Amino acid sequence: MTRVGTDLIEIARIRRSLERYPSFKERCFTDAEQAYCDSRRDPAESYAGRFAGKEAVGKALGFGVARAFAWKEIEIVGRPKPAVHLSGRLAQVADANDVTSIDLSMTHSRELAQAVAVVDA
């Protein structure tokens, strides 16, 4: 069975969260994700892409809104082609559902970041 999840987010919304809530990065992104995003010319674009990626993966796994899982249980790694590493409860759910692969594509414009995840089980 193949399932698809998608998400679209305004980069400005993530930029505001980064500025207003210092704990936002620590709550939602792993140390490796933070190091990558903070190294980019416009970190908010990269954070937005990864945020959308996490939402898309969560939806494709059948969790809908992200409140059902811990943000750091989905880690977006690699470039230029992003890969997904699951941990914790989400990894257990994926194993129990015989998930064989998760493919992720992310993109952004000046204003929006989008991600699409395809899960095969």
N, C-alpha and C. Protein backbone atom coordinates (compact mmCIF):
# COMPACT_ATOMS: atom_id res chain seq x y z
N MET A 1 0.84 -1.18 0.00
CA MET A 1 0.00 0.00 0.00
C MET A 1 0.89 1.25 0.00
N THR A 2 0.49 2.22 -0.76
CA THR A 2 1.21 3.50 -0.84
C THR A 2 0.31 4.59 -0.27
N ARG A 3 0.92 5.44 0.57
CA ARG A 3 0.19 6.58 1.13
C ARG A 3 0.98 7.85 0.88
N VAL A 4 0.27 8.95 0.68
CA VAL A 4 0.89 10.23 0.37
C VAL A 4 0.49 11.26 1.42
N GLY A 5 1.46 12.09 1.80
CA GLY A 5 1.18 13.22 2.68
C GLY A 5 1.82 14.46 2.09
N THR A 6 1.20 15.60 2.29
CA THR A 6 1.74 16.85 1.76
C THR A 6 1.54 17.96 2.79
N ASP A 7 2.37 18.98 2.69
CA ASP A 7 2.21 20.14 3.56
C ASP A 7 2.76 21.37 2.85
N LEU A 8 2.15 22.50 3.13
CA LEU A 8 2.56 23.79 2.58
C LEU A 8 2.54 24.79 3.72
N ILE A 9 3.62 25.54 3.87
CA ILE A 9 3.69 26.49 4.99
C ILE A 9 4.33 27.80 4.52
N GLU A 10 3.89 28.90 5.12
CA GLU A 10 4.48 30.20 4.83
C GLU A 10 5.81 30.31 5.56
N ILE A 11 6.86 30.66 4.84
CA ILE A 11 8.18 30.82 5.44
C ILE A 11 8.16 31.90 6.51
N ALA A 12 7.38 32.96 6.28
CA ALA A 12 7.29 34.06 7.26
C ALA A 12 6.76 33.56 8.61
N ARG A 13 5.86 32.59 8.57
CA ARG A 13 5.32 32.03 9.82
C ARG A 13 6.43 31.33 10.62
N ILE A 14 7.27 30.58 9.93
CA ILE A 14 8.38 29.91 10.61
C ILE A 14 9.41 30.94 11.08
N ARG A 15 9.66 31.95 10.27
CA ARG A 15 10.60 33.01 10.66
C ARG A 15 10.14 33.67 11.96
N ARG A 16 8.83 33.97 12.06
CA ARG A 16 8.28 34.57 13.27
C ARG A 16 8.43 33.63 14.47
N SER A 17 8.18 32.35 14.27
CA SER A 17 8.33 31.38 15.36
C SER A 17 9.77 31.30 15.83
N LEU A 18 10.71 31.35 14.90
CA LEU A 18 12.13 31.32 15.27
C LEU A 18 12.51 32.55 16.09
N GLU A 19 11.95 33.70 15.72
CA GLU A 19 12.27 34.95 16.41
C GLU A 19 11.57 35.06 17.77
N ARG A 20 10.33 34.63 17.85
CA ARG A 20 9.53 34.84 19.06
C ARG A 20 9.70 33.76 20.13
N TYR A 21 9.99 32.54 19.68
CA TYR A 21 10.01 31.41 20.61
C TYR A 21 11.36 30.69 20.52
N PRO A 22 12.29 31.03 21.39
CA PRO A 22 13.62 30.41 21.35
C PRO A 22 13.58 28.88 21.45
N SER A 23 12.57 28.34 22.12
CA SER A 23 12.49 26.88 22.28
C SER A 23 11.95 26.17 21.04
N PHE A 24 11.46 26.91 20.06
CA PHE A 24 10.87 26.30 18.86
C PHE A 24 11.87 25.37 18.17
N LYS A 25 13.10 25.83 17.97
CA LYS A 25 14.11 25.00 17.30
C LYS A 25 14.39 23.73 18.09
N GLU A 26 14.58 23.86 19.39
CA GLU A 26 14.92 22.71 20.21
C GLU A 26 13.78 21.71 20.30
N ARG A 27 12.56 22.20 20.27
CA ARG A 27 11.39 21.32 20.39
C ARG A 27 11.10 20.55 19.10
N CYS A 28 11.38 21.18 17.95
CA CYS A 28 10.95 20.61 16.68
C CYS A 28 12.07 19.98 15.84
N PHE A 29 13.32 20.36 16.08
CA PHE A 29 14.39 19.94 15.18
C PHE A 29 15.56 19.31 15.95
N THR A 30 16.13 18.27 15.36
CA THR A 30 17.29 17.62 15.98
C THR A 30 18.50 18.54 15.90
N ASP A 31 19.54 18.21 16.64
CA ASP A 31 20.78 19.01 16.60
C ASP A 31 21.34 19.07 15.18
N ALA A 32 21.31 17.95 14.47
CA ALA A 32 21.83 17.92 13.10
C ALA A 32 20.99 18.80 12.17
N GLU A 33 19.68 18.77 12.32
CA GLU A 33 18.82 19.63 11.50
C GLU A 33 19.10 21.10 11.79
N GLN A 34 19.25 21.44 13.07
CA GLN A 34 19.54 22.82 13.44
C GLN A 34 20.88 23.27 12.86
N ALA A 35 21.89 22.42 12.94
CA ALA A 35 23.21 22.78 12.41
C ALA A 35 23.12 23.04 10.91
N TYR A 36 22.39 22.19 10.19
CA TYR A 36 22.25 22.38 8.74
C TYR A 36 21.50 23.68 8.45
N CYS A 37 20.33 23.86 9.05
CA CYS A 37 19.51 25.04 8.75
C CYS A 37 20.24 26.33 9.13
N ASP A 38 20.90 26.33 10.28
CA ASP A 38 21.60 27.54 10.72
C ASP A 38 22.80 27.87 9.84
N SER A 39 23.29 26.91 9.08
CA SER A 39 24.44 27.15 8.19
C SER A 39 24.02 27.76 6.85
N ARG A 40 22.73 27.79 6.59
CA ARG A 40 22.22 28.28 5.30
C ARG A 40 22.12 29.81 5.30
N ARG A 41 22.12 30.37 4.09
CA ARG A 41 22.03 31.83 3.94
C ARG A 41 20.77 32.38 4.59
N ASP A 42 19.64 31.70 4.40
CA ASP A 42 18.37 32.10 5.02
C ASP A 42 17.83 30.91 5.80
N PRO A 43 18.22 30.78 7.06
CA PRO A 43 17.83 29.60 7.85
C PRO A 43 16.32 29.35 7.87
N ALA A 44 15.51 30.40 7.88
CA ALA A 44 14.06 30.21 7.96
C ALA A 44 13.53 29.39 6.79
N GLU A 45 14.10 29.55 5.60
CA GLU A 45 13.67 28.75 4.44
C GLU A 45 13.90 27.27 4.70
N SER A 46 15.08 26.95 5.22
CA SER A 46 15.40 25.54 5.47
C SER A 46 14.57 24.97 6.61
N TYR A 47 14.38 25.76 7.66
CA TYR A 47 13.52 25.29 8.75
C TYR A 47 12.09 25.07 8.25
N ALA A 48 11.59 25.95 7.42
CA ALA A 48 10.24 25.81 6.88
C ALA A 48 10.12 24.55 6.04
N GLY A 49 11.11 24.29 5.19
CA GLY A 49 11.09 23.08 4.37
C GLY A 49 11.06 21.83 5.23
N ARG A 50 11.89 21.80 6.26
CA ARG A 50 11.94 20.63 7.15
C ARG A 50 10.66 20.50 7.99
N PHE A 51 10.10 21.62 8.39
CA PHE A 51 8.84 21.59 9.13
C PHE A 51 7.74 20.98 8.24
N ALA A 52 7.66 21.46 7.00
CA ALA A 52 6.69 20.92 6.05
C ALA A 52 6.96 19.44 5.80
N GLY A 53 8.24 19.08 5.71
CA GLY A 53 8.60 17.67 5.51
C GLY A 53 8.12 16.79 6.64
N LYS A 54 8.30 17.24 7.87
CA LYS A 54 7.86 16.47 9.03
C LYS A 54 6.33 16.31 9.02
N GLU A 55 5.62 17.38 8.70
CA GLU A 55 4.16 17.31 8.61
C GLU A 55 3.73 16.33 7.52
N ALA A 56 4.37 16.40 6.36
CA ALA A 56 4.01 15.52 5.24
C ALA A 56 4.25 14.06 5.59
N VAL A 57 5.38 13.77 6.24
CA VAL A 57 5.68 12.40 6.65
C VAL A 57 4.66 11.92 7.67
N GLY A 58 4.35 12.76 8.66
CA GLY A 58 3.35 12.39 9.66
C GLY A 58 2.01 12.07 9.03
N LYS A 59 1.59 12.86 8.07
CA LYS A 59 0.33 12.63 7.38
C LYS A 59 0.37 11.34 6.58
N ALA A 60 1.47 11.10 5.87
CA ALA A 60 1.59 9.88 5.07
C ALA A 60 1.59 8.62 5.94
N LEU A 61 2.11 8.75 7.17
CA LEU A 61 2.10 7.61 8.09
C LEU A 61 0.75 7.44 8.78
N GLY A 62 -0.17 8.38 8.53
CA GLY A 62 -1.51 8.27 9.08
C GLY A 62 -1.73 8.98 10.40
N PHE A 63 -0.82 9.90 10.74
CA PHE A 63 -0.94 10.61 12.00
C PHE A 63 -1.64 11.95 11.87
N GLY A 64 -1.91 12.42 10.67
CA GLY A 64 -2.60 13.71 10.51
C GLY A 64 -1.78 14.84 11.09
N VAL A 65 -2.38 15.58 11.98
CA VAL A 65 -1.70 16.73 12.56
C VAL A 65 -0.54 16.27 13.42
N ALA A 66 0.46 17.11 13.52
CA ALA A 66 1.72 16.72 14.16
C ALA A 66 1.63 16.56 15.66
N ARG A 67 0.55 16.94 16.30
CA ARG A 67 0.45 16.79 17.75
C ARG A 67 0.47 15.31 18.17
N ALA A 68 0.25 14.41 17.22
CA ALA A 68 0.19 12.99 17.53
C ALA A 68 1.58 12.36 17.67
N PHE A 69 2.63 13.09 17.34
CA PHE A 69 3.99 12.55 17.46
C PHE A 69 4.94 13.63 17.93
N ALA A 70 6.10 13.22 18.42
CA ALA A 70 7.13 14.17 18.82
C ALA A 70 7.87 14.62 17.57
N TRP A 71 8.03 15.90 17.41
CA TRP A 71 8.64 16.46 16.19
C TRP A 71 9.99 15.84 15.87
N LYS A 72 10.80 15.60 16.90
CA LYS A 72 12.14 15.08 16.66
C LYS A 72 12.16 13.61 16.26
N GLU A 73 11.01 12.92 16.32
CA GLU A 73 10.95 11.53 15.88
C GLU A 73 11.05 11.41 14.37
N ILE A 74 10.88 12.51 13.68
CA ILE A 74 11.09 12.56 12.22
C ILE A 74 12.28 13.48 12.00
N GLU A 75 13.35 12.92 11.47
CA GLU A 75 14.54 13.72 11.17
C GLU A 75 14.76 13.71 9.66
N ILE A 76 14.92 14.90 9.10
CA ILE A 76 15.19 15.05 7.68
C ILE A 76 16.71 15.16 7.53
N VAL A 77 17.30 14.23 6.80
CA VAL A 77 18.75 14.18 6.64
C VAL A 77 19.11 14.19 5.16
N GLY A 78 20.37 14.56 4.89
CA GLY A 78 20.89 14.48 3.53
C GLY A 78 20.53 15.65 2.65
N ARG A 79 21.34 15.80 1.65
CA ARG A 79 21.10 16.76 0.59
C ARG A 79 21.96 16.39 -0.59
N PRO A 80 21.63 16.67 -1.80
CA PRO A 80 20.46 17.49 -2.15
C PRO A 80 19.15 16.73 -2.02
N LYS A 81 19.16 15.40 -2.07
CA LYS A 81 17.93 14.63 -1.93
C LYS A 81 17.70 14.31 -0.46
N PRO A 82 16.61 14.83 0.12
CA PRO A 82 16.38 14.56 1.54
C PRO A 82 15.95 13.12 1.79
N ALA A 83 16.38 12.60 2.92
CA ALA A 83 15.96 11.28 3.38
C ALA A 83 15.32 11.45 4.75
N VAL A 84 14.61 10.44 5.18
CA VAL A 84 13.88 10.50 6.45
C VAL A 84 14.41 9.43 7.39
N HIS A 85 14.69 9.83 8.61
CA HIS A 85 15.07 8.90 9.67
C HIS A 85 14.02 9.00 10.77
N LEU A 86 13.39 7.87 11.09
CA LEU A 86 12.38 7.83 12.15
C LEU A 86 12.99 7.27 13.43
N SER A 87 12.49 7.74 14.56
CA SER A 87 12.93 7.20 15.85
C SER A 87 11.73 7.15 16.79
N GLY A 88 11.95 6.59 17.97
CA GLY A 88 10.91 6.58 19.00
C GLY A 88 9.65 5.86 18.58
N ARG A 89 8.52 6.39 19.04
CA ARG A 89 7.22 5.77 18.78
C ARG A 89 6.90 5.69 17.30
N LEU A 90 7.29 6.71 16.54
CA LEU A 90 7.01 6.67 15.10
C LEU A 90 7.75 5.55 14.41
N ALA A 91 8.98 5.28 14.80
CA ALA A 91 9.73 4.16 14.22
C ALA A 91 9.03 2.84 14.54
N GLN A 92 8.52 2.71 15.76
CA GLN A 92 7.81 1.49 16.15
C GLN A 92 6.53 1.32 15.33
N VAL A 93 5.79 2.40 15.14
CA VAL A 93 4.57 2.35 14.33
C VAL A 93 4.90 1.98 12.89
N ALA A 94 5.95 2.57 12.34
CA ALA A 94 6.35 2.26 10.96
C ALA A 94 6.72 0.79 10.83
N ASP A 95 7.47 0.27 11.79
CA ASP A 95 7.83 -1.15 11.76
C ASP A 95 6.59 -2.04 11.86
N ALA A 96 5.69 -1.70 12.76
CA ALA A 96 4.47 -2.50 12.94
C ALA A 96 3.60 -2.50 11.70
N ASN A 97 3.69 -1.43 10.91
CA ASN A 97 2.89 -1.32 9.68
C ASN A 97 3.68 -1.71 8.44
N ASP A 98 4.84 -2.34 8.66
CA ASP A 98 5.67 -2.85 7.55
C ASP A 98 6.04 -1.78 6.53
N VAL A 99 6.34 -0.57 7.02
CA VAL A 99 6.78 0.50 6.11
C VAL A 99 8.13 0.11 5.53
N THR A 100 8.20 0.07 4.19
CA THR A 100 9.43 -0.33 3.53
C THR A 100 10.25 0.86 3.04
N SER A 101 9.59 1.97 2.76
CA SER A 101 10.33 3.15 2.32
C SER A 101 9.50 4.41 2.54
N ILE A 102 10.24 5.52 2.70
CA ILE A 102 9.62 6.84 2.78
C ILE A 102 10.40 7.72 1.83
N ASP A 103 9.72 8.24 0.83
CA ASP A 103 10.35 9.14 -0.13
C ASP A 103 9.84 10.55 0.16
N LEU A 104 10.74 11.52 0.18
CA LEU A 104 10.37 12.89 0.53
C LEU A 104 10.92 13.86 -0.51
N SER A 105 10.10 14.79 -0.90
CA SER A 105 10.53 15.87 -1.79
C SER A 105 10.12 17.19 -1.14
N MET A 106 11.06 18.14 -1.11
CA MET A 106 10.79 19.45 -0.52
C MET A 106 11.21 20.53 -1.52
N THR A 107 10.50 21.65 -1.46
CA THR A 107 10.84 22.79 -2.31
C THR A 107 10.36 24.06 -1.63
N HIS A 108 10.87 25.19 -2.08
CA HIS A 108 10.36 26.45 -1.55
C HIS A 108 10.49 27.54 -2.60
N SER A 109 9.62 28.53 -2.47
CA SER A 109 9.70 29.77 -3.24
C SER A 109 10.15 30.84 -2.26
N ARG A 110 10.03 32.10 -2.61
CA ARG A 110 10.38 33.15 -1.67
C ARG A 110 9.44 33.18 -0.47
N GLU A 111 8.20 32.74 -0.66
CA GLU A 111 7.19 32.88 0.38
C GLU A 111 6.72 31.58 1.01
N LEU A 112 6.81 30.46 0.27
CA LEU A 112 6.22 29.21 0.73
C LEU A 112 7.22 28.06 0.69
N ALA A 113 7.05 27.11 1.59
CA ALA A 113 7.80 25.86 1.56
C ALA A 113 6.79 24.73 1.46
N GLN A 114 7.11 23.74 0.64
CA GLN A 114 6.20 22.62 0.43
C GLN A 114 6.98 21.31 0.52
N ALA A 115 6.28 20.28 0.98
CA ALA A 115 6.86 18.96 1.01
C ALA A 115 5.80 17.93 0.66
N VAL A 116 6.26 16.85 0.00
CA VAL A 116 5.40 15.72 -0.33
C VAL A 116 6.13 14.47 0.11
N ALA A 117 5.44 13.61 0.86
CA ALA A 117 6.01 12.35 1.32
C ALA A 117 5.19 11.19 0.76
N VAL A 118 5.90 10.15 0.31
CA VAL A 118 5.26 8.93 -0.17
C VAL A 118 5.78 7.78 0.68
N VAL A 119 4.86 7.07 1.32
CA VAL A 119 5.20 5.95 2.19
C VAL A 119 4.72 4.66 1.54
N ASP A 120 5.61 3.69 1.42
CA ASP A 120 5.25 2.37 0.90
C ASP A 120 5.27 1.38 2.04
N ALA A 121 4.23 0.56 2.09
CA ALA A 121 4.16 -0.47 3.12
C ALA A 121 3.66 -1.76 2.50
